[in-house]
Amino acid sequence: MNLDELKEKIITIVAKCTELKNQNTNELNAPVNYACIFSHSEDEFELLISLANGLGSVISETPTGPIFSIETISTVAGDLKLLKIRKPFENKPQLGYADFTLNNYLDFKKKYLAQEKFKLTVRENYEMIGLEDSTYNVLTYFAYPPLDEQLGVK
């Protein structure tokens, strides 16, 4: 994999996540906030980190992998400026995920959380609603507050 292939992978993940989002919600214009690529081995993780360094720099280290502030990548869901590379985990066989920013997270939560494909995850400083469909090789999330706000970047 090279830098152009990494960008194409990111664009593909966002496109598939957008399709999943649009098929299951009425949030058709929700912009992408960040994308995450799942690595499936230590070697792939190291390669993805190396390539991501060519797009930008690490702005946050998390237990599951670093978050990069990257040069803007245009996607079907808007400009992408944040990228996470996730460490390999057996329970994450997908390509990755995209996280979208909602105008009204609380209304979205009330409307969709009871539906089968949606799941709430609560963390110390934020929560997120995940959308999963086994016919897609990606996951889609909606975080509150969005990651760019959590990190203080725009």
Protein backbone atom coordinates (compact mmCIF):
# COMPACT_ATOMS: atom_id res chain seq x y z
CA MET A 1 0.00 0.00 0.00
CA ASN A 2 1.16 3.52 -0.75
CA LEU A 3 -0.13 6.99 0.23
CA ASP A 4 -2.55 7.24 -2.72
CA GLU A 5 -3.97 3.81 -1.90
CA LEU A 6 -4.41 4.88 1.73
CA LYS A 7 -6.37 7.95 0.61
CA GLU A 8 -8.55 5.78 -1.63
CA LYS A 9 -9.20 3.41 1.27
CA ILE A 10 -10.26 6.34 3.45
CA ILE A 11 -12.54 7.71 0.70
CA THR A 12 -14.07 4.24 0.24
CA ILE A 13 -14.72 3.81 3.97
CA VAL A 14 -16.46 7.19 4.18
CA ALA A 15 -18.51 6.44 1.05
CA LYS A 16 -19.68 3.06 2.39
CA CYS A 17 -20.47 4.55 5.79
CA THR A 18 -22.41 7.37 4.14
CA GLU A 19 -24.43 4.81 2.19
CA LEU A 20 -25.16 2.89 5.41
CA LYS A 21 -26.14 6.11 7.21
CA ASN A 22 -28.37 7.29 4.37
CA GLN A 23 -30.09 3.93 4.06
CA ASN A 24 -30.98 3.81 7.77
CA THR A 25 -31.53 7.43 8.83
CA ASN A 26 -32.88 10.70 7.49
CA GLU A 27 -29.55 12.41 8.27
CA LEU A 28 -28.62 12.61 4.58
CA ASN A 29 -26.57 15.80 4.98
CA ALA A 30 -24.70 14.91 8.17
CA PRO A 31 -21.03 15.63 7.44
CA VAL A 32 -18.20 13.25 8.24
CA ASN A 33 -16.34 14.23 11.41
CA TYR A 34 -13.59 11.63 11.27
CA ALA A 35 -12.73 8.26 9.81
CA CYS A 36 -11.03 5.22 11.30
CA ILE A 37 -9.20 2.41 9.55
CA PHE A 38 -9.12 -0.96 11.29
CA SER A 39 -5.81 -2.79 11.07
CA HIS A 40 -5.94 -6.57 11.07
CA SER A 41 -2.36 -7.38 12.07
CA GLU A 42 0.56 -5.68 13.81
CA ASP A 43 2.39 -5.38 10.47
CA GLU A 44 -0.62 -3.69 8.86
CA PHE A 45 -0.98 -1.38 11.88
CA GLU A 46 2.65 -0.28 11.58
CA LEU A 47 2.29 0.28 7.81
CA LEU A 48 -0.89 2.33 8.26
CA ILE A 49 0.76 4.45 10.96
CA SER A 50 3.75 5.06 8.72
CA LEU A 51 1.53 6.09 5.80
CA ALA A 52 -0.76 8.23 7.97
CA ASN A 53 2.32 10.18 9.10
CA GLY A 54 2.60 11.22 5.45
CA LEU A 55 -0.86 12.80 5.65
CA GLY A 56 -0.43 14.66 8.92
CA SER A 57 0.57 14.33 12.54
CA VAL A 58 -0.68 12.59 15.65
CA ILE A 59 -2.81 14.88 17.80
CA SER A 60 -4.08 12.31 20.30
CA GLU A 61 -2.98 8.89 21.51
CA THR A 62 -5.78 6.58 22.57
CA PRO A 63 -5.63 3.05 23.99
CA THR A 64 -6.97 1.74 20.65
CA GLY A 65 -4.69 3.77 18.38
CA PRO A 66 -3.55 7.25 17.40
CA ILE A 67 -5.67 10.04 15.95
CA PHE A 68 -4.09 12.17 13.23
CA SER A 69 -4.83 15.68 12.06
CA ILE A 70 -4.44 15.19 8.30
CA GLU A 71 -4.36 17.23 5.14
CA THR A 72 -7.94 17.67 3.96
CA ILE A 73 -9.35 14.76 1.97
CA SER A 74 -12.55 15.44 0.01
CA THR A 75 -15.20 12.75 0.49
CA VAL A 76 -18.85 12.27 -0.47
CA ALA A 77 -19.71 13.44 3.07
CA GLY A 78 -17.53 16.55 3.11
CA ASP A 79 -13.95 17.40 3.96
CA LEU A 80 -12.14 14.97 6.23
CA LYS A 81 -9.43 16.30 8.56
CA LEU A 82 -9.22 13.64 11.30
CA LEU A 83 -8.11 10.03 10.89
CA LYS A 84 -7.70 7.26 13.43
CA ILE A 85 -5.69 4.11 12.89
CA ARG A 86 -7.05 1.37 15.12
CA LYS A 87 -4.96 -1.39 16.58
CA PRO A 88 -5.90 -4.92 15.48
CA PHE A 89 -8.77 -6.56 17.38
CA GLU A 90 -10.36 -9.89 16.54
CA ASN A 91 -13.87 -8.48 16.89
CA LYS A 92 -13.26 -5.74 14.27
CA PRO A 93 -13.03 -7.52 10.89
CA GLN A 94 -14.52 -4.55 9.01
CA LEU A 95 -12.56 -2.02 6.93
CA GLY A 96 -13.23 0.73 9.44
CA TYR A 97 -15.81 3.36 10.28
CA ALA A 98 -16.78 6.97 9.84
CA ASP A 99 -18.24 9.21 12.49
CA PHE A 100 -20.80 11.82 11.45
CA THR A 101 -21.78 15.12 13.08
CA LEU A 102 -25.47 15.59 13.81
CA ASN A 103 -27.34 18.88 14.14
CA ASN A 104 -29.36 17.45 17.04
CA TYR A 105 -27.87 14.39 18.69
CA LEU A 106 -30.56 14.12 21.38
CA ASP A 107 -33.41 14.08 18.84
CA PHE A 108 -31.49 11.50 16.78
CA LYS A 109 -30.99 9.37 19.89
CA LYS A 110 -34.71 9.44 20.72
CA LYS A 111 -35.68 8.57 17.16
CA TYR A 112 -33.23 5.76 16.33
CA LEU A 113 -31.86 4.15 19.48
CA ALA A 114 -34.78 1.74 19.87
CA GLN A 115 -34.17 0.36 16.38
CA GLU A 116 -32.37 -2.95 16.01
CA LYS A 117 -29.29 -1.74 14.09
CA PHE A 118 -28.44 1.07 16.54
CA LYS A 119 -26.50 0.71 19.79
CA LEU A 120 -25.49 3.22 22.45
CA THR A 121 -21.99 3.20 23.91
CA VAL A 122 -21.25 5.47 26.88
CA ARG A 123 -17.67 6.48 27.68
CA GLU A 124 -16.26 8.75 30.39
CA ASN A 125 -16.40 12.04 28.44
CA TYR A 126 -18.70 11.24 25.53
CA GLU A 127 -21.21 8.80 24.14
CA MET A 128 -21.86 7.46 20.69
CA ILE A 129 -24.54 5.69 18.77
CA GLY A 130 -23.28 2.95 16.49
CA LEU A 131 -25.02 1.71 13.36
CA GLU A 132 -24.15 -1.77 12.14
CA ASP A 133 -25.51 -3.82 9.26
CA SER A 134 -23.88 -7.15 8.41
CA THR A 135 -24.33 -6.48 4.69
CA TYR A 136 -21.77 -3.65 5.00
CA ASN A 137 -18.06 -4.07 5.70
CA VAL A 138 -17.99 -0.84 7.74
CA LEU A 139 -19.51 0.63 10.88
CA THR A 140 -21.07 4.07 11.26
CA TYR A 141 -21.06 6.21 14.40
CA PHE A 142 -22.55 9.41 15.73
CA ALA A 143 -20.61 10.81 18.70
CA TYR A 144 -21.68 13.41 21.24
CA PRO A 145 -19.84 15.61 21.52
CA PRO A 146 -18.17 15.08 18.13
CA LEU A 147 -14.47 14.20 18.18
CA ASP A 148 -13.32 17.54 16.76
CA GLU A 149 -15.04 19.26 19.71
CA GLN A 150 -13.60 16.73 22.18
CA LEU A 151 -10.10 17.48 20.88
CA GLY A 152 -10.66 21.22 20.49
CA VAL A 153 -9.93 21.25 16.75
CA LYS A 154 -12.00 22.50 13.83
